[in-house]
Amino acid sequence: MRELTVVEAKELIRKNRNNPRFVILDVRTPEEFTEEYLPGALNIDIYADDFEEKIAGLDRMGTYLVYCKSGGRSRAAVELMEELGFRNVYNGVGWMF
């Protein structure tokens, strides 16, 4: 699992600015997402009953920056994504929204 600090994540976002297969994935609850989120982020709540189904429907060839509040939920999401065959997945750590 590749973990990125905030500085490293910003660089990944910058490098992928024009990449249509780059996704910033926020796995917090919809309530947390509404309060504050990264511009352009896709919100899929890790606690939702259909979380795995929604993740499985994503493009496995894409590049994903996954984040939550502190890195725990995003770590679990990244582990699932890797099990499902996603290859370019990064866990954002230390975000503390």
PDB file of N, CA and C in Angstrom:
ATOM      1  N   MET A   1       0.850  -1.179   0.000  1.00  0.00           N
ATOM      2  CA  MET A   1       0.000   0.000   0.000  1.00  0.00           C
ATOM      3  C   MET A   1       0.897   1.243   0.000  1.00  0.00           C
ATOM      4  N   ARG A   2       0.566   2.155  -0.886  1.00  0.00           N
ATOM      5  CA  ARG A   2       1.318   3.401  -0.960  1.00  0.00           C
ATOM      6  C   ARG A   2       0.564   4.483  -0.191  1.00  0.00           C
ATOM      7  N   GLU A   3       1.238   5.052   0.807  1.00  0.00           N
ATOM      8  CA  GLU A   3       0.629   6.110   1.615  1.00  0.00           C
ATOM      9  C   GLU A   3       1.289   7.436   1.282  1.00  0.00           C
ATOM     10  N   LEU A   4       0.458   8.472   1.161  1.00  0.00           N
ATOM     11  CA  LEU A   4       0.952   9.789   0.797  1.00  0.00           C
ATOM     12  C   LEU A   4       0.626  10.815   1.868  1.00  0.00           C
ATOM     13  N   THR A   5       1.583  11.668   2.158  1.00  0.00           N
ATOM     14  CA  THR A   5       1.336  12.804   3.033  1.00  0.00           C
ATOM     15  C   THR A   5       0.518  13.831   2.254  1.00  0.00           C
ATOM     16  N   VAL A   6       0.080  14.868   2.915  1.00  0.00           N
ATOM     17  CA  VAL A   6      -0.672  15.924   2.254  1.00  0.00           C
ATOM     18  C   VAL A   6       0.159  16.549   1.127  1.00  0.00           C
ATOM     19  N   VAL A   7       1.421  16.799   1.385  1.00  0.00           N
ATOM     20  CA  VAL A   7       2.301  17.406   0.370  1.00  0.00           C
ATOM     21  C   VAL A   7       2.431  16.481  -0.835  1.00  0.00           C
ATOM     22  N   GLU A   8       2.641  15.193  -0.591  1.00  0.00           N
ATOM     23  CA  GLU A   8       2.767  14.235  -1.689  1.00  0.00           C
ATOM     24  C   GLU A   8       1.451  14.101  -2.464  1.00  0.00           C
ATOM     25  N   ALA A   9       0.334  14.140  -1.745  1.00  0.00           N
ATOM     26  CA  ALA A   9      -0.979  14.046  -2.393  1.00  0.00           C
ATOM     27  C   ALA A   9      -1.218  15.253  -3.297  1.00  0.00           C
ATOM     28  N   LYS A  10      -0.834  16.431  -2.831  1.00  0.00           N
ATOM     29  CA  LYS A  10      -0.984  17.631  -3.665  1.00  0.00           C
ATOM     30  C   LYS A  10      -0.187  17.497  -4.953  1.00  0.00           C
ATOM     31  N   GLU A  11       0.994  16.922  -4.872  1.00  0.00           N
ATOM     32  CA  GLU A  11       1.822  16.715  -6.062  1.00  0.00           C
ATOM     33  C   GLU A  11       1.170  15.698  -6.999  1.00  0.00           C
ATOM     34  N   LEU A  12       0.599  14.629  -6.453  1.00  0.00           N
ATOM     35  CA  LEU A  12      -0.096  13.636  -7.268  1.00  0.00           C
ATOM     36  C   LEU A  12      -1.283  14.282  -7.985  1.00  0.00           C
ATOM     37  N   ILE A  13      -2.027  15.112  -7.271  1.00  0.00           N
ATOM     38  CA  ILE A  13      -3.167  15.812  -7.869  1.00  0.00           C
ATOM     39  C   ILE A  13      -2.683  16.729  -8.993  1.00  0.00           C
ATOM     40  N   ARG A  14      -1.610  17.450  -8.731  1.00  0.00           N
ATOM     41  CA  ARG A  14      -1.066  18.360  -9.751  1.00  0.00           C
ATOM     42  C   ARG A  14      -0.650  17.588 -11.004  1.00  0.00           C
ATOM     43  N   LYS A  15       0.052  16.483 -10.823  1.00  0.00           N
ATOM     44  CA  LYS A  15       0.541  15.690 -11.950  1.00  0.00           C
ATOM     45  C   LYS A  15      -0.605  15.076 -12.760  1.00  0.00           C
ATOM     46  N   ASN A  16      -1.732  14.830 -12.103  1.00  0.00           N
ATOM     47  CA  ASN A  16      -2.852  14.174 -12.774  1.00  0.00           C
ATOM     48  C   ASN A  16      -3.980  15.131 -13.139  1.00  0.00           C
ATOM     49  N   ARG A  17      -3.699  16.399 -13.111  1.00  0.00           N
ATOM     50  CA  ARG A  17      -4.698  17.439 -13.375  1.00  0.00           C
ATOM     51  C   ARG A  17      -5.481  17.180 -14.663  1.00  0.00           C
ATOM     52  N   ASN A  18      -4.831  16.693 -15.693  1.00  0.00           N
ATOM     53  CA  ASN A  18      -5.487  16.464 -16.981  1.00  0.00           C
ATOM     54  C   ASN A  18      -5.729  14.987 -17.275  1.00  0.00           C
ATOM     55  N   ASN A  19      -5.628  14.160 -16.275  1.00  0.00           N
ATOM     56  CA  ASN A  19      -5.814  12.717 -16.438  1.00  0.00           C
ATOM     57  C   ASN A  19      -7.279  12.363 -16.173  1.00  0.00           C
ATOM     58  N   PRO A  20      -8.039  11.997 -17.198  1.00  0.00           N
ATOM     59  CA  PRO A  20      -9.454  11.680 -16.984  1.00  0.00           C
ATOM     60  C   PRO A  20      -9.678  10.421 -16.158  1.00  0.00           C
ATOM     61  N   ARG A  21      -8.629   9.631 -15.955  1.00  0.00           N
ATOM     62  CA  ARG A  21      -8.749   8.403 -15.162  1.00  0.00           C
ATOM     63  C   ARG A  21      -8.253   8.595 -13.729  1.00  0.00           C
ATOM     64  N   PHE A  22      -8.017   9.818 -13.339  1.00  0.00           N
ATOM     65  CA  PHE A  22      -7.599  10.120 -11.959  1.00  0.00           C
ATOM     66  C   PHE A  22      -8.820  10.492 -11.135  1.00  0.00           C
ATOM     67  N   VAL A  23      -8.958   9.844  -9.981  1.00  0.00           N
ATOM     68  CA  VAL A  23     -10.108  10.072  -9.107  1.00  0.00           C
ATOM     69  C   VAL A  23      -9.630  10.331  -7.688  1.00  0.00           C
ATOM     70  N   ILE A  24     -10.137  11.402  -7.105  1.00  0.00           N
ATOM     71  CA  ILE A  24      -9.940  11.660  -5.683  1.00  0.00           C
ATOM     72  C   ILE A  24     -11.171  11.058  -5.007  1.00  0.00           C
ATOM     73  N   LEU A  25     -10.957  10.057  -4.171  1.00  0.00           N
ATOM     74  CA  LEU A  25     -12.052   9.309  -3.572  1.00  0.00           C
ATOM     75  C   LEU A  25     -12.110   9.561  -2.068  1.00  0.00           C
ATOM     76  N   ASP A  26     -13.183  10.177  -1.635  1.00  0.00           N
ATOM     77  CA  ASP A  26     -13.424  10.478  -0.229  1.00  0.00           C
ATOM     78  C   ASP A  26     -14.339   9.390   0.330  1.00  0.00           C
ATOM     79  N   VAL A  27     -13.878   8.640   1.323  1.00  0.00           N
ATOM     80  CA  VAL A  27     -14.661   7.519   1.848  1.00  0.00           C
ATOM     81  C   VAL A  27     -15.330   7.841   3.188  1.00  0.00           C
ATOM     82  N   ARG A  28     -15.422   9.130   3.501  1.00  0.00           N
ATOM     83  CA  ARG A  28     -16.100   9.552   4.732  1.00  0.00           C
ATOM     84  C   ARG A  28     -17.614   9.528   4.525  1.00  0.00           C
ATOM     85  N   THR A  29     -18.339   9.789   5.593  1.00  0.00           N
ATOM     86  CA  THR A  29     -19.792   9.822   5.518  1.00  0.00           C
ATOM     87  C   THR A  29     -20.242  11.038   4.703  1.00  0.00           C
ATOM     88  N   PRO A  30     -21.460  10.995   4.159  1.00  0.00           N
ATOM     89  CA  PRO A  30     -21.956  12.159   3.416  1.00  0.00           C
ATOM     90  C   PRO A  30     -21.986  13.429   4.268  1.00  0.00           C
ATOM     91  N   GLU A  31     -22.264  13.287   5.554  1.00  0.00           N
ATOM     92  CA  GLU A  31     -22.287  14.449   6.452  1.00  0.00           C
ATOM     93  C   GLU A  31     -20.903  15.073   6.567  1.00  0.00           C
ATOM     94  N   GLU A  32     -19.874  14.247   6.719  1.00  0.00           N
ATOM     95  CA  GLU A  32     -18.503  14.760   6.790  1.00  0.00           C
ATOM     96  C   GLU A  32     -18.113  15.409   5.464  1.00  0.00           C
ATOM     97  N   PHE A  33     -18.492  14.762   4.382  1.00  0.00           N
ATOM     98  CA  PHE A  33     -18.165  15.263   3.053  1.00  0.00           C
ATOM     99  C   PHE A  33     -18.780  16.639   2.821  1.00  0.00           C
ATOM    100  N   THR A  34     -20.025  16.822   3.261  1.00  0.00           N
ATOM    101  CA  THR A  34     -20.716  18.093   3.082  1.00  0.00           C
ATOM    102  C   THR A  34     -20.009  19.224   3.821  1.00  0.00           C
ATOM    103  N   GLU A  35     -19.427  18.916   4.969  1.00  0.00           N
ATOM    104  CA  GLU A  35     -18.748  19.929   5.778  1.00  0.00           C
ATOM    105  C   GLU A  35     -17.482  20.458   5.097  1.00  0.00           C
ATOM    106  N   GLU A  36     -16.707  19.540   4.501  1.00  0.00           N
ATOM    107  CA  GLU A  36     -15.440  19.932   3.869  1.00  0.00           C
ATOM    108  C   GLU A  36     -14.940  18.777   3.009  1.00  0.00           C
ATOM    109  N   TYR A  37     -14.460  19.097   1.816  1.00  0.00           N
ATOM    110  CA  TYR A  37     -13.963  18.070   0.914  1.00  0.00           C
ATOM    111  C   TYR A  37     -12.979  18.679  -0.074  1.00  0.00           C
ATOM    112  N   LEU A  38     -12.232  17.808  -0.709  1.00  0.00           N
ATOM    113  CA  LEU A  38     -11.308  18.263  -1.742  1.00  0.00           C
ATOM    114  C   LEU A  38     -12.102  18.511  -3.027  1.00  0.00           C
ATOM    115  N   PRO A  39     -11.837  19.601  -3.719  1.00  0.00           N
ATOM    116  CA  PRO A  39     -12.544  19.907  -4.963  1.00  0.00           C
ATOM    117  C   PRO A  39     -12.455  18.746  -5.958  1.00  0.00           C
ATOM    118  N   GLY A  40     -13.591  18.385  -6.514  1.00  0.00           N
ATOM    119  CA  GLY A  40     -13.648  17.315  -7.507  1.00  0.00           C
ATOM    120  C   GLY A  40     -13.706  15.914  -6.935  1.00  0.00           C
ATOM    121  N   ALA A  41     -13.714  15.785  -5.620  1.00  0.00           N
ATOM    122  CA  ALA A  41     -13.713  14.465  -4.998  1.00  0.00           C
ATOM    123  C   ALA A  41     -15.044  13.741  -5.200  1.00  0.00           C
ATOM    124  N   LEU A  42     -14.951  12.433  -5.321  1.00  0.00           N
ATOM    125  CA  LEU A  42     -16.099  11.539  -5.380  1.00  0.00           C
ATOM    126  C   LEU A  42     -16.291  10.978  -3.981  1.00  0.00           C
ATOM    127  N   ASN A  43     -17.496  11.030  -3.453  1.00  0.00           N
ATOM    128  CA  ASN A  43     -17.768  10.537  -2.106  1.00  0.00           C
ATOM    129  C   ASN A  43     -18.477   9.193  -2.183  1.00  0.00           C
ATOM    130  N   ILE A  44     -17.819   8.165  -1.642  1.00  0.00           N
ATOM    131  CA  ILE A  44     -18.440   6.852  -1.478  1.00  0.00           C
ATOM    132  C   ILE A  44     -18.200   6.457  -0.021  1.00  0.00           C
ATOM    133  N   ASP A  45     -19.260   6.454   0.759  1.00  0.00           N
ATOM    134  CA  ASP A  45     -19.206   6.201   2.196  1.00  0.00           C
ATOM    135  C   ASP A  45     -18.810   4.755   2.476  1.00  0.00           C
ATOM    136  N   ILE A  46     -17.686   4.577   3.161  1.00  0.00           N
ATOM    137  CA  ILE A  46     -17.193   3.228   3.475  1.00  0.00           C
ATOM    138  C   ILE A  46     -18.170   2.468   4.375  1.00  0.00           C
ATOM    139  N   TYR A  47     -19.008   3.176   5.114  1.00  0.00           N
ATOM    140  CA  TYR A  47     -19.978   2.529   6.000  1.00  0.00           C
ATOM    141  C   TYR A  47     -21.278   2.141   5.280  1.00  0.00           C
ATOM    142  N   ALA A  48     -21.452   2.559   4.047  1.00  0.00           N
ATOM    143  CA  ALA A  48     -22.675   2.257   3.306  1.00  0.00           C
ATOM    144  C   ALA A  48     -22.745   0.761   2.971  1.00  0.00           C
ATOM    145  N   ASP A  49     -23.942   0.228   2.969  1.00  0.00           N
ATOM    146  CA  ASP A  49     -24.145  -1.191   2.673  1.00  0.00           C
ATOM    147  C   ASP A  49     -23.652  -1.571   1.285  1.00  0.00           C
ATOM    148  N   ASP A  50     -23.710  -0.647   0.357  1.00  0.00           N
ATOM    149  CA  ASP A  50     -23.318  -0.942  -1.020  1.00  0.00           C
ATOM    150  C   ASP A  50     -21.905  -0.439  -1.362  1.00  0.00           C
ATOM    151  N   PHE A  51     -21.094  -0.185  -0.342  1.00  0.00           N
ATOM    152  CA  PHE A  51     -19.749   0.348  -0.576  1.00  0.00           C
ATOM    153  C   PHE A  51     -18.941  -0.551  -1.509  1.00  0.00           C
ATOM    154  N   GLU A  52     -18.855  -1.830  -1.201  1.00  0.00           N
ATOM    155  CA  GLU A  52     -18.043  -2.728  -2.017  1.00  0.00           C
ATOM    156  C   GLU A  52     -18.580  -2.796  -3.448  1.00  0.00           C
ATOM    157  N   GLU A  53     -19.880  -2.801  -3.610  1.00  0.00           N
ATOM    158  CA  GLU A  53     -20.485  -2.827  -4.941  1.00  0.00           C
ATOM    159  C   GLU A  53     -20.105  -1.577  -5.733  1.00  0.00           C
ATOM    160  N   LYS A  54     -20.163  -0.412  -5.071  1.00  0.00           N
ATOM    161  CA  LYS A  54     -19.801   0.833  -5.758  1.00  0.00           C
ATOM    162  C   LYS A  54     -18.326   0.854  -6.127  1.00  0.00           C
ATOM    163  N   ILE A  55     -17.484   0.385  -5.235  1.00  0.00           N
ATOM    164  CA  ILE A  55     -16.042   0.338  -5.511  1.00  0.00           C
ATOM    165  C   ILE A  55     -15.771  -0.616  -6.669  1.00  0.00           C
ATOM    166  N   ALA A  56     -16.428  -1.765  -6.650  1.00  0.00           N
ATOM    167  CA  ALA A  56     -16.228  -2.764  -7.701  1.00  0.00           C
ATOM    168  C   ALA A  56     -16.637  -2.222  -9.072  1.00  0.00           C
ATOM    169  N   GLY A  57     -17.518  -1.229  -9.105  1.00  0.00           N
ATOM    170  CA  GLY A  57     -17.965  -0.648 -10.358  1.00  0.00           C
ATOM    171  C   GLY A  57     -17.039   0.417 -10.929  1.00  0.00           C
ATOM    172  N   LEU A  58     -15.994   0.766 -10.191  1.00  0.00           N
ATOM    173  CA  LEU A  58     -15.047   1.778 -10.665  1.00  0.00           C
ATOM    174  C   LEU A  58     -14.041   1.176 -11.645  1.00  0.00           C
ATOM    175  N   ASP A  59     -13.411   2.022 -12.422  1.00  0.00           N
ATOM    176  CA  ASP A  59     -12.401   1.629 -13.406  1.00  0.00           C
ATOM    177  C   ASP A  59     -11.137   1.153 -12.695  1.00  0.00           C
ATOM    178  N   ARG A  60     -10.836  -0.122 -12.823  1.00  0.00           N
ATOM    179  CA  ARG A  60      -9.659  -0.685 -12.150  1.00  0.00           C
ATOM    180  C   ARG A  60      -8.340  -0.179 -12.734  1.00  0.00           C
ATOM    181  N   MET A  61      -8.385   0.407 -13.912  1.00  0.00           N
ATOM    182  CA  MET A  61      -7.173   0.925 -14.539  1.00  0.00           C
ATOM    183  C   MET A  61      -6.920   2.389 -14.176  1.00  0.00           C
ATOM    184  N   GLY A  62      -7.834   2.996 -13.434  1.00  0.00           N
ATOM    185  CA  GLY A  62      -7.677   4.387 -13.043  1.00  0.00           C
ATOM    186  C   GLY A  62      -6.642   4.558 -11.941  1.00  0.00           C
ATOM    187  N   THR A  63      -6.369   5.806 -11.626  1.00  0.00           N
ATOM    188  CA  THR A  63      -5.476   6.159 -10.526  1.00  0.00           C
ATOM    189  C   THR A  63      -6.338   6.816  -9.457  1.00  0.00           C
ATOM    190  N   TYR A  64      -6.220   6.349  -8.215  1.00  0.00           N
ATOM    191  CA  TYR A  64      -7.085   6.805  -7.139  1.00  0.00           C
ATOM    192  C   TYR A  64      -6.287   7.327  -5.953  1.00  0.00           C
ATOM    193  N   LEU A  65      -6.668   8.498  -5.493  1.00  0.00           N
ATOM    194  CA  LEU A  65      -6.178   9.040  -4.238  1.00  0.00           C
ATOM    195  C   LEU A  65      -7.349   8.919  -3.266  1.00  0.00           C
ATOM    196  N   VAL A  66      -7.227   8.043  -2.288  1.00  0.00           N
ATOM    197  CA  VAL A  66      -8.310   7.757  -1.350  1.00  0.00           C
ATOM    198  C   VAL A  66      -8.002   8.451  -0.030  1.00  0.00           C
ATOM    199  N   TYR A  67      -9.001   9.128   0.529  1.00  0.00           N
ATOM    200  CA  TYR A  67      -8.770   9.808   1.800  1.00  0.00           C
ATOM    201  C   TYR A  67     -10.003   9.777   2.694  1.00  0.00           C
ATOM    202  N   CYS A  68      -9.752  10.014   3.976  1.00  0.00           N
ATOM    203  CA  CYS A  68     -10.797  10.151   4.990  1.00  0.00           C
ATOM    204  C   CYS A  68     -10.306  11.210   5.975  1.00  0.00           C
ATOM    205  N   LYS A  69     -10.702  11.101   7.207  1.00  0.00           N
ATOM    206  CA  LYS A  69     -10.289  12.111   8.193  1.00  0.00           C
ATOM    207  C   LYS A  69      -8.855  11.898   8.669  1.00  0.00           C
ATOM    208  N   SER A  70      -8.525  10.656   8.998  1.00  0.00           N
ATOM    209  CA  SER A  70      -7.193  10.425   9.564  1.00  0.00           C
ATOM    210  C   SER A  70      -6.396   9.311   8.893  1.00  0.00           C
ATOM    211  N   GLY A  71      -7.004   8.577   7.975  1.00  0.00           N
ATOM    212  CA  GLY A  71      -6.271   7.548   7.244  1.00  0.00           C
ATOM    213  C   GLY A  71      -6.707   6.124   7.504  1.00  0.00           C
ATOM    214  N   GLY A  72      -7.502   5.890   8.529  1.00  0.00           N
ATOM    215  CA  GLY A  72      -7.933   4.524   8.858  1.00  0.00           C
ATOM    216  C   GLY A  72      -8.950   3.960   7.884  1.00  0.00           C
ATOM    217  N   ARG A  73     -10.002   4.704   7.635  1.00  0.00           N
ATOM    218  CA  ARG A  73     -11.034   4.232   6.703  1.00  0.00           C
ATOM    219  C   ARG A  73     -10.487   4.158   5.285  1.00  0.00           C
ATOM    220  N   SER A  74      -9.676   5.131   4.914  1.00  0.00           N
ATOM    221  CA  SER A  74      -9.104   5.100   3.564  1.00  0.00           C
ATOM    222  C   SER A  74      -8.157   3.911   3.414  1.00  0.00           C
ATOM    223  N   ARG A  75      -7.443   3.566   4.463  1.00  0.00           N
ATOM    224  CA  ARG A  75      -6.551   2.391   4.421  1.00  0.00           C
ATOM    225  C   ARG A  75      -7.369   1.136   4.142  1.00  0.00           C
ATOM    226  N   ALA A  76      -8.498   0.987   4.838  1.00  0.00           N
ATOM    227  CA  ALA A  76      -9.368  -0.180   4.615  1.00  0.00           C
ATOM    228  C   ALA A  76      -9.917  -0.187   3.195  1.00  0.00           C
ATOM    229  N   ALA A  77     -10.284   0.982   2.685  1.00  0.00           N
ATOM    230  CA  ALA A  77     -10.800   1.080   1.322  1.00  0.00           C
ATOM    231  C   ALA A  77      -9.725   0.702   0.311  1.00  0.00           C
ATOM    232  N   VAL A  78      -8.505   1.187   0.517  1.00  0.00           N
ATOM    233  CA  VAL A  78      -7.400   0.875  -0.389  1.00  0.00           C
ATOM    234  C   VAL A  78      -7.115  -0.627  -0.378  1.00  0.00           C
ATOM    235  N   GLU A  79      -7.140  -1.245   0.803  1.00  0.00           N
ATOM    236  CA  GLU A  79      -6.915  -2.686   0.889  1.00  0.00           C
ATOM    237  C   GLU A  79      -7.959  -3.443   0.080  1.00  0.00           C
ATOM    238  N   LEU A  80      -9.225  -3.045   0.201  1.00  0.00           N
ATOM    239  CA  LEU A  80     -10.295  -3.675  -0.575  1.00  0.00           C
ATOM    240  C   LEU A  80     -10.058  -3.467  -2.068  1.00  0.00           C
ATOM    241  N   MET A  81      -9.725  -2.247  -2.446  1.00  0.00           N
ATOM    242  CA  MET A  81      -9.501  -1.947  -3.861  1.00  0.00           C
ATOM    243  C   MET A  81      -8.353  -2.796  -4.418  1.00  0.00           C
ATOM    244  N   GLU A  82      -7.302  -2.948  -3.657  1.00  0.00           N
ATOM    245  CA  GLU A  82      -6.182  -3.774  -4.118  1.00  0.00           C
ATOM    246  C   GLU A  82      -6.609  -5.230  -4.251  1.00  0.00           C
ATOM    247  N   GLU A  83      -7.425  -5.727  -3.325  1.00  0.00           N
ATOM    248  CA  GLU A  83      -7.948  -7.095  -3.415  1.00  0.00           C
ATOM    249  C   GLU A  83      -8.793  -7.276  -4.666  1.00  0.00           C
ATOM    250  N   LEU A  84      -9.488  -6.208  -5.080  1.00  0.00           N
ATOM    251  CA  LEU A  84     -10.346  -6.261  -6.257  1.00  0.00           C
ATOM    252  C   LEU A  84      -9.578  -6.054  -7.568  1.00  0.00           C
ATOM    253  N   GLY A  85      -8.270  -5.822  -7.472  1.00  0.00           N
ATOM    254  CA  GLY A  85      -7.449  -5.709  -8.673  1.00  0.00           C
ATOM    255  C   GLY A  85      -7.083  -4.303  -9.107  1.00  0.00           C
ATOM    256  N   PHE A  86      -7.379  -3.304  -8.289  1.00  0.00           N
ATOM    257  CA  PHE A  86      -6.954  -1.939  -8.599  1.00  0.00           C
ATOM    258  C   PHE A  86      -5.440  -1.869  -8.408  1.00  0.00           C
ATOM    259  N   ARG A  87      -4.752  -1.216  -9.339  1.00  0.00           N
ATOM    260  CA  ARG A  87      -3.286  -1.194  -9.282  1.00  0.00           C
ATOM    261  C   ARG A  87      -2.703   0.143  -8.854  1.00  0.00           C
ATOM    262  N   ASN A  88      -3.368   1.225  -9.155  1.00  0.00           N
ATOM    263  CA  ASN A  88      -2.832   2.560  -8.876  1.00  0.00           C
ATOM    264  C   ASN A  88      -3.690   3.251  -7.826  1.00  0.00           C
ATOM    265  N   VAL A  89      -3.497   2.834  -6.587  1.00  0.00           N
ATOM    266  CA  VAL A  89      -4.300   3.356  -5.483  1.00  0.00           C
ATOM    267  C   VAL A  89      -3.360   3.889  -4.406  1.00  0.00           C
ATOM    268  N   TYR A  90      -3.661   5.100  -3.945  1.00  0.00           N
ATOM    269  CA  TYR A  90      -2.845   5.758  -2.931  1.00  0.00           C
ATOM    270  C   TYR A  90      -3.715   6.111  -1.734  1.00  0.00           C
ATOM    271  N   ASN A  91      -3.179   5.916  -0.546  1.00  0.00           N
ATOM    272  CA  ASN A  91      -3.883   6.255   0.687  1.00  0.00           C
ATOM    273  C   ASN A  91      -3.345   7.575   1.222  1.00  0.00           C
ATOM    274  N   GLY A  92      -4.227   8.562   1.332  1.00  0.00           N
ATOM    275  CA  GLY A  92      -3.834   9.846   1.919  1.00  0.00           C
ATOM    276  C   GLY A  92      -3.879   9.744   3.436  1.00  0.00           C
ATOM    277  N   VAL A  93      -2.774  10.039   4.098  1.00  0.00           N
ATOM    278  CA  VAL A  93      -2.698   9.940   5.556  1.00  0.00           C
ATOM    279  C   VAL A  93      -2.376  11.293   6.179  1.00  0.00           C
ATOM    280  N   GLY A  94      -2.831  11.479   7.390  1.00  0.00           N
ATOM    281  CA  GLY A  94      -2.534  12.699   8.130  1.00  0.00           C
ATOM    282  C   GLY A  94      -3.352  13.905   7.705  1.00  0.00           C
ATOM    283  N   TRP A  95      -4.528  13.705   7.138  1.00  0.00           N
ATOM    284  CA  TRP A  95      -5.321  14.798   6.587  1.00  0.00           C
ATOM    285  C   TRP A  95      -6.031  15.575   7.673  1.00  0.00           C
ATOM    286  N   MET A  96      -6.634  14.878   8.615  1.00  0.00           N
ATOM    287  CA  MET A  96      -7.286  15.496   9.781  1.00  0.00           C
ATOM    288  C   MET A  96      -8.202  16.664   9.437  1.00  0.00           C
ATOM    289  N   PHE A  97      -9.214  16.406   8.666  1.00  0.00           N
ATOM    290  CA  PHE A  97     -10.210  17.424   8.340  1.00  0.00           C
ATOM    291  C   PHE A  97     -10.846  17.927   9.610  1.00  0.00           C
TER     292      PHE A  97
END
